Amino acid sequence: EAKKLLTFTTYPLSDICASLNFSDQSYFTKIFKKFTNETPGKYRKSHVVI
């Protein structure tokens, strides 16, 4: 779901975290990087469709 939101929306990372029930943006970034080997910002820049 996070990948989809980062790719197909321009929502700020804070809104994406909140919609996925992460209260801590740094924790979300850590978990996201663990699964994708990229930070959410880098992922968005390399996968943006908009």
C-alpha atoms as a PDB file:
ATOM      1  CA  GLU A   1       0.000   0.000   0.000  1.00  0.00           C
ATOM      2  CA  ALA A   2       2.831   2.406   0.825  1.00  0.00           C
ATOM      3  CA  LYS A   3       4.463   1.792  -2.561  1.00  0.00           C
ATOM      4  CA  LYS A   4       1.155   2.479  -4.315  1.00  0.00           C
ATOM      5  CA  LEU A   5       0.612   5.730  -2.420  1.00  0.00           C
ATOM      6  CA  LEU A   6       4.171   6.895  -3.080  1.00  0.00           C
ATOM      7  CA  THR A   7       3.923   6.053  -6.777  1.00  0.00           C
ATOM      8  CA  PHE A   8       0.437   7.261  -7.667  1.00  0.00           C
ATOM      9  CA  THR A   9      -0.179  10.205  -5.311  1.00  0.00           C
ATOM     10  CA  THR A  10       1.528  13.399  -4.268  1.00  0.00           C
ATOM     11  CA  TYR A  11       0.473  13.004  -0.622  1.00  0.00           C
ATOM     12  CA  PRO A  12       3.135  14.114   1.832  1.00  0.00           C
ATOM     13  CA  LEU A  13       4.955  11.310   3.607  1.00  0.00           C
ATOM     14  CA  SER A  14       3.360  12.358   6.897  1.00  0.00           C
ATOM     15  CA  ASP A  15      -0.121  11.745   5.430  1.00  0.00           C
ATOM     16  CA  ILE A  16       0.932   8.378   4.013  1.00  0.00           C
ATOM     17  CA  CYS A  17       2.316   7.349   7.402  1.00  0.00           C
ATOM     18  CA  ALA A  18      -0.888   8.403   9.145  1.00  0.00           C
ATOM     19  CA  SER A  19      -3.087   6.549   6.647  1.00  0.00           C
ATOM     20  CA  LEU A  20      -1.063   3.390   7.286  1.00  0.00           C
ATOM     21  CA  ASN A  21      -1.327   3.834  11.080  1.00  0.00           C
ATOM     22  CA  PHE A  22       2.325   4.764  11.626  1.00  0.00           C
ATOM     23  CA  SER A  23       2.553   7.505  14.235  1.00  0.00           C
ATOM     24  CA  ASP A  24       6.329   7.826  13.813  1.00  0.00           C
ATOM     25  CA  GLN A  25       7.582   8.822  10.362  1.00  0.00           C
ATOM     26  CA  SER A  26      11.165   7.743  11.106  1.00  0.00           C
ATOM     27  CA  TYR A  27       9.999   4.280  12.120  1.00  0.00           C
ATOM     28  CA  PHE A  28       7.969   4.023   8.902  1.00  0.00           C
ATOM     29  CA  THR A  29      11.052   5.050   6.895  1.00  0.00           C
ATOM     30  CA  LYS A  30      13.171   2.434   8.679  1.00  0.00           C
ATOM     31  CA  ILE A  31      10.652  -0.352   7.979  1.00  0.00           C
ATOM     32  CA  PHE A  32      10.087   0.785   4.379  1.00  0.00           C
ATOM     33  CA  LYS A  33      13.846   0.789   3.721  1.00  0.00           C
ATOM     34  CA  LYS A  34      14.181  -2.673   5.264  1.00  0.00           C
ATOM     35  CA  PHE A  35      11.751  -4.082   2.679  1.00  0.00           C
ATOM     36  CA  THR A  36      12.713  -2.005  -0.389  1.00  0.00           C
ATOM     37  CA  ASN A  37      16.360  -1.014   0.214  1.00  0.00           C
ATOM     38  CA  GLU A  38      15.306   2.587  -0.514  1.00  0.00           C
ATOM     39  CA  THR A  39      13.961   5.421   1.577  1.00  0.00           C
ATOM     40  CA  PRO A  40      10.392   6.474   0.730  1.00  0.00           C
ATOM     41  CA  GLY A  41      11.712   9.681  -0.864  1.00  0.00           C
ATOM     42  CA  LYS A  42      14.125   7.857  -3.160  1.00  0.00           C
ATOM     43  CA  TYR A  43      11.461   5.283  -3.994  1.00  0.00           C
ATOM     44  CA  ARG A  44       9.003   8.025  -4.953  1.00  0.00           C
ATOM     45  CA  LYS A  45      11.555   9.818  -7.152  1.00  0.00           C
ATOM     46  CA  SER A  46      12.454   6.652  -9.059  1.00  0.00           C
ATOM     47  CA  HIS A  47       8.899   5.276  -9.408  1.00  0.00           C
ATOM     48  CA  VAL A  48       6.705   8.349  -9.817  1.00  0.00           C
ATOM     49  CA  VAL A  49       3.951   7.997 -12.432  1.00  0.00           C
ATOM     50  CA  ILE A  50       2.206  11.353 -12.067  1.00  0.00           C
END
